[in-house]
Amino acid sequence: MGQGLLQIGLTLCIVIVITPLIGKYIARVFLGEKTLLDLVMQPVERLIYTLAGVRVPDNMTGWQYGRAILYTNLIMGIFVCLLIALQKFLPFNPTRLGMPTWDTVLHTAISFLTNTDQQHYAGETTLSYFSQTAALGFLMFTSAGTGLAVGIAFIRGLTGRPLGNFYVDLTRGITRILLPISVIGAIALLLTGVPQTLAGPQVVRTLEGATQYIARGPVASFEIIKQLGENGGGFFGVNSAHPFENPNGVSNLIEEIAMISIPAALIYTYGLFANNTKQAWLLFWMVFIIFVILVCITAVGELQGNPLINNALATDQPNLEGKEVRFGWAQTALWAVMTTATMCGAVNGMHDSLMPGGGFSTLFNLFLQIIWGGQGTGTAYLFIYLILTVFLTGLMVGRTPEFFGRKIEKREIILASVVLLVHPIVVLIPTAIALTSPNTLSGITNPGFHGISQVVYEYASAAANNGSGLEGLADTQPAPTALWWNLSTCVSILVGRYVPIIAILLLADSMAHKPTLAETPGTLRTDSLLFTSITAGVILILGVLTFFPVLALGPIAEGFKLAAR
């Protein structure tokens, strides 16, 4: 127990230390200040801008920024669909894999395009090396760069700056942040034992004389951007529970830090843009405290184990079912909360095997999307709650709400409401359809409370662009119900990704063009402990009001049922 708690504490301490360091670097990159990589990356970026016809000084409106995202994403999505569909004829396919089913191709391309990386297939038996790297690896960089650009554009708008240029922000996000860290991280993972090769599967003879094929490939480069970019899609079917993706405690720590580093740092970046690091630290600690509480809920449940099994054995044992013994209950619990809090979606154990407390924590993260939130977009969701809190507190004191001296009016509240209402719509409606449709019930392995959690988790993960799953659903290629899961989750993924992004950009554009009012003694300060506490209350109340019935029918009911036996 002590060792597990020490591992969790050490990881959290590292997060606290690196947050201002990475946050400052990200701010320098997007404020156009000098960085160590200028000498190397500036010529590369100038070449990219010239070839793409991008004028660097040009700033975009919210609509222009949003259209640029939609157009580039559409082209990239079509391109990747073709690469996967034609993988049989493309190089680096040592096992001669053919085209997956058309709905799997569509779902995979949309999923990786949107930074969701929900996988209804096993990578090592479905996709070639070329598809994994040139198609999915490409999208891992661009989707993460897109989310980062949206987050920075929103921060600019809130702080009274022009939104910037999407193509410039996307390029800088990749060349200055994602790519350099990925190169260093891939080398570090190589040193821990993660393979990086284009050779085919290793053929070995077992002790019984049988032939075994051990899948491998260019895993290290794929793994680091999977974690750093909040992507989460695994090279192998069991993701970071596979010893080639995550061989030991050192690789596990590297991947956890990579997972949380940018989402946590963006809060500090916001403080530098706003010239108010005090508010940034208050927000950081608010999110950090909620995160630690959820980790504790999950870790305690896994440490106590399953009471049915413990009673039968007349002993106390942690819940190790579905766990990788290399990491145990503590690191599995921390990873599960962190991967759903950051919207990464990678797993180092099976979430379907978590105790009800773990199911509650992971679903709660997917519902709120701000602890710590996805790559860039999660930071924007956090500030949406800030705007709502300013609006509500302004109404309570009978004063026009202001944020950084800019009035919060009808347009801003409508756009903020759109951002927050889209998520429950694309989670709860398809969940209700799936649970009541006879065509999909056969795909649910557990018809009880846990079965409800399985279904709602699938759509919450899709809509939140997370990609992890409780499994237990017939969503892979051989299953007759795979078509339903592929197409229905595609709708949740697309709506859950692009509608909030457009609303966020329009809101940022609106805030950027508002006149700044002089501060008065009656101006509500947003960098106080009181305001931050009210914000936390607003976040929790809205989350409970929206999703509590689902939580009550799923993990909460499952916990009471387990305790009653």
Protein backbone atom coordinates (compact mmCIF):
# COMPACT_ATOMS: atom_id res chain seq x y z
CA MET A 1 0.00 0.00 0.00
CA GLY A 2 2.73 2.46 0.98
CA GLN A 3 4.67 1.89 -2.22
CA GLY A 4 1.57 2.45 -4.35
CA LEU A 5 0.71 5.72 -2.60
CA LEU A 6 4.34 6.85 -2.94
CA GLN A 7 4.20 6.23 -6.69
CA ILE A 8 1.02 8.29 -7.02
CA GLY A 9 2.46 11.10 -4.90
CA LEU A 10 5.73 11.19 -6.86
CA THR A 11 3.88 11.46 -10.17
CA LEU A 12 1.70 14.31 -8.91
CA CYS A 13 4.74 16.18 -7.56
CA ILE A 14 6.42 15.98 -10.97
CA VAL A 15 3.27 17.40 -12.57
CA ILE A 16 3.32 20.38 -10.21
CA VAL A 17 7.00 21.09 -10.93
CA ILE A 18 6.84 20.90 -14.74
CA THR A 19 3.57 22.81 -15.18
CA PRO A 20 5.05 26.36 -15.06
CA LEU A 21 8.07 25.30 -17.13
CA ILE A 22 6.06 23.89 -20.02
CA GLY A 23 3.41 26.59 -19.62
CA LYS A 24 6.02 29.33 -20.08
CA TYR A 25 7.43 27.61 -23.14
CA ILE A 26 4.01 27.24 -24.78
CA ALA A 27 3.28 30.90 -24.08
CA ARG A 28 6.56 31.99 -25.68
CA VAL A 29 5.82 29.90 -28.77
CA PHE A 30 2.37 31.39 -29.35
CA LEU A 31 3.26 34.92 -28.27
CA GLY A 32 5.93 34.92 -30.97
CA GLU A 33 8.81 35.31 -28.52
CA LYS A 34 12.25 33.77 -28.95
CA THR A 35 12.73 30.09 -28.16
CA LEU A 36 15.63 27.66 -28.35
CA LEU A 37 14.24 26.07 -31.51
CA ASP A 38 14.05 29.26 -33.59
CA LEU A 39 17.28 28.62 -35.47
CA VAL A 40 16.17 25.15 -36.57
CA MET A 41 12.42 25.57 -36.98
CA GLN A 42 12.03 29.04 -38.48
CA PRO A 43 13.38 28.03 -41.94
CA VAL A 44 11.18 24.92 -41.89
CA GLU A 45 8.10 26.95 -40.96
CA ARG A 46 8.80 29.60 -43.60
CA LEU A 47 8.99 26.86 -46.23
CA ILE A 48 5.66 25.41 -45.05
CA TYR A 49 4.00 28.83 -45.13
CA THR A 50 5.34 29.52 -48.62
CA LEU A 51 4.16 26.18 -50.01
CA ALA A 52 0.74 26.58 -48.36
CA GLY A 53 0.35 30.23 -49.35
CA VAL A 54 -0.08 31.34 -45.74
CA ARG A 55 0.53 34.96 -44.80
CA VAL A 56 1.88 34.81 -41.27
CA PRO A 57 0.74 38.25 -40.04
CA ASP A 58 -2.87 37.66 -41.15
CA ASN A 59 -5.36 37.19 -38.31
CA MET A 60 -8.60 35.26 -38.77
CA THR A 61 -12.10 35.88 -37.47
CA GLY A 62 -13.88 33.15 -35.55
CA TRP A 63 -15.70 31.96 -38.67
CA GLN A 64 -12.53 31.98 -40.75
CA TYR A 65 -10.62 30.05 -38.08
CA GLY A 66 -13.44 27.51 -37.82
CA ARG A 67 -13.76 27.09 -41.60
CA ALA A 68 -10.01 26.53 -41.88
CA ILE A 69 -10.29 23.73 -39.33
CA LEU A 70 -13.26 22.11 -41.10
CA TYR A 71 -11.68 22.29 -44.56
CA THR A 72 -8.30 20.91 -43.52
CA ASN A 73 -9.89 18.17 -41.42
CA LEU A 74 -12.15 17.11 -44.29
CA ILE A 75 -9.20 16.79 -46.67
CA MET A 76 -7.11 14.91 -44.10
CA GLY A 77 -10.01 12.57 -43.30
CA ILE A 78 -10.51 11.61 -46.94
CA PHE A 79 -6.77 11.12 -47.40
CA VAL A 80 -6.51 8.77 -44.41
CA CYS A 81 -9.60 6.79 -45.45
CA LEU A 82 -7.91 6.10 -48.78
CA LEU A 83 -4.63 5.07 -47.16
CA ILE A 84 -6.32 2.56 -44.86
CA ALA A 85 -8.61 1.21 -47.59
CA LEU A 86 -5.66 0.70 -49.95
CA GLN A 87 -3.19 -0.63 -47.38
CA LYS A 88 -3.04 -4.00 -49.18
CA PHE A 89 -1.27 -2.29 -52.09
CA LEU A 90 0.95 0.02 -50.02
CA PRO A 91 4.40 -0.72 -48.55
CA PHE A 92 5.38 -1.78 -45.02
CA ASN A 93 2.71 -4.45 -44.75
CA PRO A 94 4.71 -7.55 -43.76
CA THR A 95 1.63 -9.58 -42.78
CA ARG A 96 -0.22 -8.62 -46.00
CA LEU A 97 -3.29 -7.23 -44.27
CA GLY A 98 -6.19 -6.25 -46.48
CA MET A 99 -8.85 -3.58 -46.19
CA PRO A 100 -10.96 -3.60 -43.00
CA THR A 101 -14.73 -3.34 -43.36
CA TRP A 102 -15.88 0.01 -44.78
CA ASP A 103 -17.53 1.09 -41.54
CA THR A 104 -14.36 0.32 -39.59
CA VAL A 105 -12.33 2.39 -42.06
CA LEU A 106 -14.77 5.30 -41.70
CA HIS A 107 -14.94 5.07 -37.91
CA THR A 108 -11.16 4.80 -37.55
CA ALA A 109 -10.45 7.78 -39.81
CA ILE A 110 -13.05 9.98 -38.09
CA SER A 111 -11.93 8.84 -34.66
CA PHE A 112 -8.25 9.68 -35.20
CA LEU A 113 -9.05 12.84 -37.16
CA THR A 114 -10.89 14.26 -34.15
CA ASN A 115 -8.29 13.27 -31.51
CA THR A 116 -10.73 10.63 -30.20
CA ASP A 117 -8.83 7.51 -31.30
CA GLN A 118 -11.65 5.18 -30.35
CA GLN A 119 -10.65 1.76 -31.68
CA HIS A 120 -13.11 -0.90 -32.76
CA TYR A 121 -10.27 -3.12 -33.97
CA ALA A 122 -6.96 -4.61 -32.78
CA GLY A 123 -4.10 -2.67 -34.35
CA GLU A 124 -1.61 -5.51 -34.80
CA THR A 125 -4.10 -7.70 -36.72
CA THR A 126 -5.96 -5.00 -38.68
CA LEU A 127 -3.59 -2.25 -39.84
CA SER A 128 -0.23 -2.33 -41.58
CA TYR A 129 2.82 -0.44 -40.37
CA PHE A 130 2.19 2.13 -43.11
CA SER A 131 -1.41 2.65 -41.99
CA GLN A 132 -0.36 2.95 -38.36
CA THR A 133 2.35 5.53 -39.04
CA ALA A 134 1.62 7.41 -42.27
CA ALA A 135 -2.15 7.51 -41.67
CA LEU A 136 -2.88 7.34 -37.94
CA GLY A 137 0.46 8.75 -36.78
CA PHE A 138 -0.04 11.71 -39.11
CA LEU A 139 -3.49 12.38 -37.64
CA MET A 140 -2.14 12.09 -34.11
CA PHE A 141 0.02 15.14 -34.73
CA THR A 142 -2.53 17.17 -36.69
CA SER A 143 -5.51 16.46 -34.41
CA ALA A 144 -3.50 17.34 -31.31
CA GLY A 145 -2.17 20.43 -33.06
CA THR A 146 -5.71 21.44 -34.00
CA GLY A 147 -6.96 21.16 -30.42
CA LEU A 148 -3.94 23.10 -29.15
CA ALA A 149 -4.57 25.84 -31.73
CA VAL A 150 -8.23 26.13 -30.67
CA GLY A 151 -7.23 26.44 -27.01
CA ILE A 152 -4.68 29.17 -27.79
CA ALA A 153 -7.13 31.05 -30.04
CA PHE A 154 -9.70 31.01 -27.23
CA ILE A 155 -7.17 32.28 -24.71
CA ARG A 156 -6.23 35.07 -27.11
CA GLY A 157 -9.85 36.10 -27.54
CA LEU A 158 -10.54 36.11 -23.79
CA THR A 159 -7.52 38.32 -23.17
CA GLY A 160 -8.43 40.84 -25.88
CA ARG A 161 -6.01 39.68 -28.58
CA PRO A 162 -6.80 38.75 -32.20
CA LEU A 163 -7.47 35.03 -32.60
CA GLY A 164 -4.45 34.49 -34.84
CA ASN A 165 -4.08 32.30 -37.92
CA PHE A 166 -5.04 28.63 -37.70
CA TYR A 167 -2.42 27.44 -40.18
CA VAL A 168 0.34 29.26 -38.29
CA ASP A 169 -0.88 27.99 -34.92
CA LEU A 170 -1.16 24.42 -36.22
CA THR A 171 2.32 24.54 -37.71
CA ARG A 172 3.94 26.03 -34.61
CA GLY A 173 2.12 23.63 -32.32
CA ILE A 174 3.59 20.70 -34.22
CA THR A 175 7.08 22.00 -35.04
CA ARG A 176 7.79 23.74 -31.71
CA ILE A 177 5.94 21.56 -29.18
CA LEU A 178 4.63 18.17 -30.30
CA LEU A 179 7.43 17.08 -32.65
CA PRO A 180 10.49 18.03 -30.52
CA ILE A 181 9.06 16.51 -27.34
CA SER A 182 8.01 13.41 -29.28
CA VAL A 183 11.54 12.89 -30.60
CA ILE A 184 13.00 13.09 -27.10
CA GLY A 185 10.19 10.96 -25.65
CA ALA A 186 10.53 8.27 -28.32
CA ILE A 187 14.26 7.94 -27.57
CA ALA A 188 13.47 7.68 -23.86
CA LEU A 189 10.91 4.95 -24.52
CA LEU A 190 13.40 3.11 -26.72
CA LEU A 191 15.80 3.05 -23.79
CA THR A 192 13.10 1.49 -21.58
CA GLY A 193 12.55 -1.34 -24.07
CA VAL A 194 9.78 -0.15 -26.40
CA PRO A 195 10.55 -1.51 -29.92
CA GLN A 196 10.98 0.59 -33.07
CA THR A 197 11.32 -1.57 -36.16
CA LEU A 198 9.84 -2.19 -39.60
CA ALA A 199 10.62 -5.91 -39.44
CA GLY A 200 7.71 -8.34 -39.54
CA PRO A 201 6.47 -10.38 -36.56
CA GLN A 202 9.10 -12.39 -34.72
CA VAL A 203 8.65 -16.13 -35.25
CA VAL A 204 9.63 -18.28 -32.27
CA ARG A 205 9.32 -21.89 -31.21
CA THR A 206 7.63 -22.43 -27.84
CA LEU A 207 8.71 -24.99 -25.25
CA GLU A 208 5.88 -27.22 -26.45
CA GLY A 209 7.28 -27.10 -30.00
CA ALA A 210 4.53 -24.87 -31.39
CA THR A 211 5.11 -21.81 -33.58
CA GLN A 212 4.32 -18.39 -32.11
CA TYR A 213 4.21 -15.06 -33.94
CA ILE A 214 5.13 -12.03 -31.80
CA ALA A 215 3.80 -8.78 -33.24
CA ARG A 216 6.06 -5.74 -33.22
CA GLY A 217 6.63 -2.61 -35.29
CA PRO A 218 7.48 1.12 -35.08
CA VAL A 219 5.96 1.37 -31.61
CA ALA A 220 8.11 3.94 -29.76
CA SER A 221 7.40 6.82 -32.17
CA PHE A 222 3.71 5.92 -32.22
CA GLU A 223 3.51 5.59 -28.44
CA ILE A 224 4.91 8.97 -27.47
CA ILE A 225 2.62 11.08 -29.66
CA LYS A 226 -0.25 8.86 -28.54
CA GLN A 227 0.38 10.07 -24.99
CA LEU A 228 1.66 13.60 -25.57
CA GLY A 229 -1.09 14.52 -28.03
CA GLU A 230 -3.91 13.13 -25.86
CA ASN A 231 -4.65 10.66 -28.64
CA GLY A 232 -4.76 7.34 -26.83
CA GLY A 233 -5.06 4.92 -29.73
CA GLY A 234 -2.83 1.91 -29.18
CA PHE A 235 -0.48 0.24 -31.64
CA PHE A 236 -1.63 -3.05 -30.10
CA GLY A 237 -5.14 -4.07 -29.12
CA VAL A 238 -4.52 -3.93 -25.36
CA ASN A 239 -2.92 -0.48 -25.61
CA SER A 240 -0.42 0.48 -22.86
CA ALA A 241 -1.10 -2.76 -20.99
CA HIS A 242 1.01 -4.42 -23.72
CA PRO A 243 4.66 -4.94 -22.67
CA PHE A 244 5.89 -3.54 -26.01
CA GLU A 245 3.97 -0.29 -25.51
CA ASN A 246 4.68 0.03 -21.80
CA PRO A 247 7.31 -2.42 -20.56
CA ASN A 248 8.06 -1.21 -17.03
CA GLY A 249 7.58 1.39 -14.32
CA VAL A 250 9.89 3.91 -15.97
CA SER A 251 8.02 3.82 -19.28
CA ASN A 252 4.75 4.03 -17.35
CA LEU A 253 5.93 7.21 -15.60
CA ILE A 254 7.14 8.76 -18.87
CA GLU A 255 3.80 8.08 -20.54
CA GLU A 256 1.79 9.44 -17.61
CA ILE A 257 3.80 12.68 -17.53
CA ALA A 258 3.51 13.04 -21.29
CA MET A 259 -0.25 12.52 -20.99
CA ILE A 260 -0.88 15.29 -18.48
CA SER A 261 1.91 17.76 -19.24
CA ILE A 262 0.30 19.95 -21.92
CA PRO A 263 -3.28 20.11 -20.49
CA ALA A 264 -1.93 21.11 -17.07
CA ALA A 265 0.57 23.58 -18.55
CA LEU A 266 -2.07 25.35 -20.66
CA ILE A 267 -3.71 26.68 -17.50
CA TYR A 268 -0.44 28.41 -16.63
CA THR A 269 -0.10 29.58 -20.25
CA TYR A 270 -3.48 31.27 -19.87
CA GLY A 271 -2.17 33.11 -16.79
CA LEU A 272 0.78 34.47 -18.80
CA PHE A 273 -1.48 35.62 -21.64
CA ALA A 274 -3.77 37.31 -19.12
CA ASN A 275 -0.87 38.72 -17.06
CA ASN A 276 -2.52 37.09 -14.06
CA THR A 277 -0.63 34.00 -12.90
CA LYS A 278 -2.43 34.19 -9.56
CA GLN A 279 -5.72 33.24 -11.23
CA ALA A 280 -3.96 30.54 -13.22
CA TRP A 281 -2.59 28.92 -10.06
CA LEU A 282 -6.00 29.13 -8.37
CA LEU A 283 -7.57 27.34 -11.34
CA PHE A 284 -4.74 24.82 -11.39
CA TRP A 285 -5.22 23.96 -7.72
CA MET A 286 -9.01 23.76 -8.15
CA VAL A 287 -8.63 21.20 -10.92
CA PHE A 288 -5.79 19.46 -9.09
CA ILE A 289 -7.87 18.98 -5.92
CA ILE A 290 -10.85 17.54 -7.82
CA PHE A 291 -8.43 15.27 -9.69
CA VAL A 292 -6.79 14.02 -6.48
CA ILE A 293 -10.21 13.32 -4.92
CA LEU A 294 -11.18 11.19 -7.94
CA VAL A 295 -7.83 9.37 -7.79
CA CYS A 296 -8.43 8.62 -4.10
CA ILE A 297 -11.95 7.30 -4.79
CA THR A 298 -10.60 5.00 -7.50
CA ALA A 299 -7.47 3.90 -5.63
CA VAL A 300 -9.34 3.07 -2.40
CA GLY A 301 -11.79 0.90 -4.34
CA GLU A 302 -9.01 -0.99 -6.10
CA LEU A 303 -7.02 -1.43 -2.89
CA GLN A 304 -10.00 -2.78 -0.95
CA GLY A 305 -10.79 -5.17 -3.77
CA ASN A 306 -13.95 -7.06 -4.54
CA PRO A 307 -15.81 -7.89 -1.30
CA LEU A 308 -17.38 -11.01 -2.84
CA ILE A 309 -13.98 -12.49 -3.63
CA ASN A 310 -12.40 -11.33 -0.39
CA ASN A 311 -15.24 -12.83 1.68
CA ALA A 312 -14.95 -16.11 -0.19
CA LEU A 313 -11.20 -16.25 0.44
CA ALA A 314 -11.53 -14.92 4.01
CA THR A 315 -8.78 -12.40 3.29
CA ASP A 316 -8.29 -8.86 2.04
CA GLN A 317 -6.81 -8.58 -1.43
CA PRO A 318 -6.66 -5.64 -3.87
CA ASN A 319 -8.59 -5.93 -7.11
CA LEU A 320 -6.02 -7.28 -9.57
CA GLU A 321 -8.46 -8.64 -12.16
CA GLY A 322 -7.88 -6.79 -15.42
CA LYS A 323 -4.64 -5.27 -14.07
CA GLU A 324 -1.13 -5.54 -15.46
CA VAL A 325 0.85 -6.94 -12.53
CA ARG A 326 3.79 -4.74 -13.55
CA PHE A 327 1.79 -1.71 -12.40
CA GLY A 328 -0.66 -3.07 -9.83
CA TRP A 329 -3.66 -1.38 -8.29
CA ALA A 330 -2.08 2.03 -7.62
CA GLN A 331 -0.67 2.86 -11.04
CA THR A 332 -3.73 1.42 -12.77
CA ALA A 333 -6.02 3.60 -10.66
CA LEU A 334 -3.92 6.74 -11.27
CA TRP A 335 -3.69 6.04 -15.00
CA ALA A 336 -7.44 5.37 -15.34
CA VAL A 337 -8.36 8.71 -13.76
CA MET A 338 -5.62 10.58 -15.60
CA THR A 339 -6.46 9.18 -19.04
CA THR A 340 -10.13 10.15 -18.71
CA ALA A 341 -9.30 13.48 -17.06
CA THR A 342 -6.96 14.52 -19.87
CA MET A 343 -9.13 12.96 -22.61
CA CYS A 344 -6.20 10.81 -23.70
CA GLY A 345 -8.02 7.47 -23.62
CA ALA A 346 -4.96 5.22 -23.42
CA VAL A 347 -5.19 2.42 -20.86
CA ASN A 348 -2.67 0.34 -18.90
CA GLY A 349 -5.39 -1.90 -17.46
CA MET A 350 -8.96 -2.76 -18.34
CA HIS A 351 -11.45 -0.10 -17.24
CA ASP A 352 -14.19 -2.72 -17.46
CA SER A 353 -12.51 -4.39 -14.46
CA LEU A 354 -12.47 -1.31 -12.23
CA MET A 355 -14.51 -1.35 -9.06
CA PRO A 356 -17.64 0.89 -9.06
CA GLY A 357 -15.63 3.79 -7.60
CA GLY A 358 -13.33 3.69 -10.60
CA GLY A 359 -16.29 3.54 -12.96
CA PHE A 360 -17.77 6.60 -11.25
CA SER A 361 -14.51 8.59 -11.48
CA THR A 362 -13.82 7.80 -15.12
CA LEU A 363 -17.39 8.57 -16.20
CA PHE A 364 -17.38 11.77 -14.13
CA ASN A 365 -14.26 12.93 -15.98
CA LEU A 366 -15.83 12.17 -19.35
CA PHE A 367 -18.96 14.09 -18.41
CA LEU A 368 -17.21 17.26 -17.19
CA GLN A 369 -14.28 17.33 -19.68
CA ILE A 370 -12.32 19.94 -17.72
CA ILE A 371 -10.22 17.85 -15.30
CA TRP A 372 -7.71 18.44 -17.01
CA GLY A 373 -9.50 18.37 -20.29
CA GLY A 374 -8.42 17.51 -23.80
CA GLN A 375 -5.56 18.99 -25.79
CA GLY A 376 -6.44 22.71 -25.83
CA THR A 377 -10.19 22.26 -26.08
CA GLY A 378 -10.45 21.09 -22.47
CA THR A 379 -8.79 24.30 -21.33
CA ALA A 380 -11.39 26.22 -23.33
CA TYR A 381 -14.19 24.27 -21.60
CA LEU A 382 -12.72 25.27 -18.23
CA PHE A 383 -12.89 28.95 -19.19
CA ILE A 384 -16.47 28.46 -20.40
CA TYR A 385 -17.33 27.57 -16.81
CA LEU A 386 -15.49 30.71 -15.69
CA ILE A 387 -17.69 32.83 -17.96
CA LEU A 388 -20.84 31.14 -16.63
CA THR A 389 -19.69 31.71 -13.06
CA VAL A 390 -19.07 35.40 -13.79
CA PHE A 391 -22.54 35.62 -15.34
CA LEU A 392 -24.28 33.91 -12.40
CA THR A 393 -22.46 35.89 -9.72
CA GLY A 394 -23.11 39.11 -11.63
CA LEU A 395 -26.83 38.36 -11.64
CA MET A 396 -26.79 37.63 -7.91
CA VAL A 397 -25.31 41.02 -7.06
CA GLY A 398 -27.36 42.91 -9.65
CA ARG A 399 -24.40 43.95 -11.80
CA THR A 400 -23.57 43.47 -15.48
CA PRO A 401 -21.17 40.50 -15.62
CA GLU A 402 -17.65 41.35 -16.79
CA PHE A 403 -14.65 39.18 -17.57
CA PHE A 404 -11.32 41.01 -17.95
CA GLY A 405 -13.27 44.23 -18.24
CA ARG A 406 -15.46 42.92 -21.08
CA LYS A 407 -19.19 42.54 -20.67
CA ILE A 408 -20.71 39.06 -20.75
CA GLU A 409 -23.93 39.47 -22.71
CA LYS A 410 -26.60 37.39 -24.43
CA ARG A 411 -24.44 36.22 -27.35
CA GLU A 412 -21.67 34.92 -25.09
CA ILE A 413 -24.09 33.04 -22.84
CA ILE A 414 -25.83 31.42 -25.81
CA LEU A 415 -22.52 30.23 -27.26
CA ALA A 416 -21.34 29.01 -23.86
CA SER A 417 -24.61 27.12 -23.41
CA VAL A 418 -24.18 25.48 -26.81
CA VAL A 419 -20.74 24.23 -25.79
CA LEU A 420 -22.07 22.70 -22.57
CA LEU A 421 -25.37 21.31 -23.93
CA VAL A 422 -24.00 19.53 -27.00
CA HIS A 423 -22.17 16.96 -24.88
CA PRO A 424 -25.14 15.53 -22.93
CA ILE A 425 -27.26 15.52 -26.11
CA VAL A 426 -24.82 13.35 -28.08
CA VAL A 427 -24.22 11.08 -25.06
CA LEU A 428 -27.66 10.50 -23.56
CA ILE A 429 -29.81 10.27 -26.71
CA PRO A 430 -27.75 7.55 -28.47
CA THR A 431 -27.39 5.76 -25.14
CA ALA A 432 -31.18 5.61 -24.78
CA ILE A 433 -31.54 4.34 -28.36
CA ALA A 434 -28.86 1.69 -27.85
CA LEU A 435 -30.37 0.43 -24.60
CA THR A 436 -33.86 0.13 -26.06
CA SER A 437 -33.01 -1.24 -29.50
CA PRO A 438 -33.20 -5.03 -29.93
CA ASN A 439 -30.58 -4.80 -32.68
CA THR A 440 -27.91 -3.68 -30.24
CA LEU A 441 -28.84 -5.47 -27.02
CA SER A 442 -27.03 -8.57 -28.25
CA GLY A 443 -23.83 -6.56 -28.15
CA ILE A 444 -24.09 -5.86 -24.43
CA THR A 445 -22.43 -8.60 -22.38
CA ASN A 446 -23.77 -7.40 -19.03
CA PRO A 447 -27.51 -6.58 -18.90
CA GLY A 448 -27.35 -5.20 -15.35
CA PHE A 449 -26.14 -1.89 -13.95
CA HIS A 450 -22.69 -2.48 -15.39
CA GLY A 451 -24.20 -2.91 -18.84
CA ILE A 452 -25.70 0.58 -18.60
CA SER A 453 -22.24 1.90 -17.71
CA GLN A 454 -20.74 0.09 -20.70
CA VAL A 455 -23.10 1.77 -23.15
CA VAL A 456 -23.04 5.28 -21.68
CA TYR A 457 -19.25 5.09 -21.39
CA GLU A 458 -18.97 4.27 -25.10
CA TYR A 459 -20.86 7.40 -26.12
CA ALA A 460 -19.38 9.62 -23.43
CA SER A 461 -15.92 8.57 -24.57
CA ALA A 462 -16.83 9.29 -28.19
CA ALA A 463 -18.43 12.67 -27.53
CA ALA A 464 -15.60 13.76 -25.22
CA ASN A 465 -13.02 12.74 -27.86
CA ASN A 466 -11.45 10.37 -25.33
CA GLY A 467 -11.61 6.99 -27.03
CA SER A 468 -11.27 4.59 -24.09
CA GLY A 469 -13.97 2.03 -23.44
CA LEU A 470 -15.40 -0.30 -20.81
CA GLU A 471 -15.47 -2.94 -23.54
CA GLY A 472 -18.05 -5.70 -23.32
CA LEU A 473 -19.72 -4.45 -26.51
CA ALA A 474 -19.74 -6.22 -29.88
CA ASP A 475 -18.06 -3.29 -31.63
CA THR A 476 -15.30 -5.13 -33.49
CA GLN A 477 -15.36 -6.30 -37.10
CA PRO A 478 -16.67 -9.88 -36.75
CA ALA A 479 -19.71 -8.84 -34.69
CA PRO A 480 -23.05 -8.24 -36.47
CA THR A 481 -23.68 -5.20 -34.29
CA ALA A 482 -20.35 -3.54 -35.18
CA LEU A 483 -22.04 -1.46 -37.88
CA TRP A 484 -24.31 0.19 -35.30
CA TRP A 485 -21.49 1.02 -32.92
CA ASN A 486 -19.23 2.31 -35.68
CA LEU A 487 -21.81 4.62 -37.25
CA SER A 488 -23.59 5.80 -34.11
CA THR A 489 -20.35 6.69 -32.33
CA CYS A 490 -19.20 8.53 -35.47
CA VAL A 491 -22.15 10.89 -35.01
CA SER A 492 -21.26 11.51 -31.35
CA ILE A 493 -17.59 12.00 -32.26
CA LEU A 494 -18.23 14.52 -35.05
CA VAL A 495 -20.88 16.56 -33.25
CA GLY A 496 -18.99 16.42 -29.94
CA ARG A 497 -15.84 17.70 -31.64
CA TYR A 498 -16.79 20.32 -34.18
CA VAL A 499 -19.91 22.02 -32.81
CA PRO A 500 -18.17 23.04 -29.55
CA ILE A 501 -15.05 24.13 -31.47
CA ILE A 502 -17.06 26.48 -33.70
CA ALA A 503 -18.98 27.86 -30.71
CA ILE A 504 -15.73 28.34 -28.77
CA LEU A 505 -14.13 30.26 -31.63
CA LEU A 506 -17.18 32.48 -32.13
CA LEU A 507 -17.25 33.20 -28.40
CA ALA A 508 -13.54 34.07 -28.41
CA ASP A 509 -14.02 36.34 -31.43
CA SER A 510 -16.91 38.10 -29.71
CA MET A 511 -14.87 38.68 -26.55
CA ALA A 512 -11.85 39.92 -28.51
CA HIS A 513 -13.87 42.73 -30.12
CA LYS A 514 -15.55 44.01 -26.97
CA PRO A 515 -14.38 47.32 -25.50
CA THR A 516 -12.52 47.10 -22.20
CA LEU A 517 -14.22 48.83 -19.28
CA ALA A 518 -12.28 50.51 -16.51
CA GLU A 519 -12.06 48.54 -13.27
CA THR A 520 -14.12 49.94 -10.39
CA PRO A 521 -14.47 49.02 -6.70
CA GLY A 522 -17.56 47.00 -7.65
CA THR A 523 -15.79 44.92 -10.31
CA LEU A 524 -15.86 41.21 -9.52
CA ARG A 525 -12.34 39.87 -9.16
CA THR A 526 -11.84 36.47 -10.75
CA ASP A 527 -8.46 35.83 -9.15
CA SER A 528 -9.76 35.27 -5.63
CA LEU A 529 -10.18 32.08 -3.64
CA LEU A 530 -13.89 32.86 -3.20
CA PHE A 531 -14.54 33.12 -6.95
CA THR A 532 -12.54 29.96 -7.64
CA SER A 533 -14.57 28.09 -5.00
CA ILE A 534 -17.81 29.30 -6.59
CA THR A 535 -16.52 28.15 -9.98
CA ALA A 536 -15.84 24.68 -8.56
CA GLY A 537 -19.37 24.61 -7.17
CA VAL A 538 -20.87 25.63 -10.52
CA ILE A 539 -18.88 22.92 -12.29
CA LEU A 540 -19.93 20.19 -9.86
CA ILE A 541 -23.58 21.28 -9.69
CA LEU A 542 -23.98 21.44 -13.48
CA GLY A 543 -22.26 18.08 -13.85
CA VAL A 544 -24.43 16.47 -11.18
CA LEU A 545 -27.67 17.95 -12.52
CA THR A 546 -26.92 16.80 -16.05
CA PHE A 547 -25.52 13.32 -15.53
CA PHE A 548 -26.42 12.20 -12.01
CA PRO A 549 -29.32 9.94 -13.17
CA VAL A 550 -26.92 8.04 -15.41
CA LEU A 551 -24.33 7.75 -12.64
CA ALA A 552 -27.05 6.58 -10.25
CA LEU A 553 -28.21 3.87 -12.66
CA GLY A 554 -24.66 2.79 -13.44
CA PRO A 555 -21.66 2.79 -11.07
CA ILE A 556 -23.50 4.07 -7.98
CA ALA A 557 -26.20 1.37 -8.21
CA GLU A 558 -23.52 -1.21 -8.98
CA GLY A 559 -21.61 -0.16 -5.86
CA PHE A 560 -24.68 -0.46 -3.62
CA LYS A 561 -25.53 -3.84 -5.13
CA LEU A 562 -22.01 -5.11 -4.52
CA ALA A 563 -21.98 -3.83 -0.95
CA ALA A 564 -25.33 -5.46 -0.20
CA ARG A 565 -24.20 -8.95 -1.11
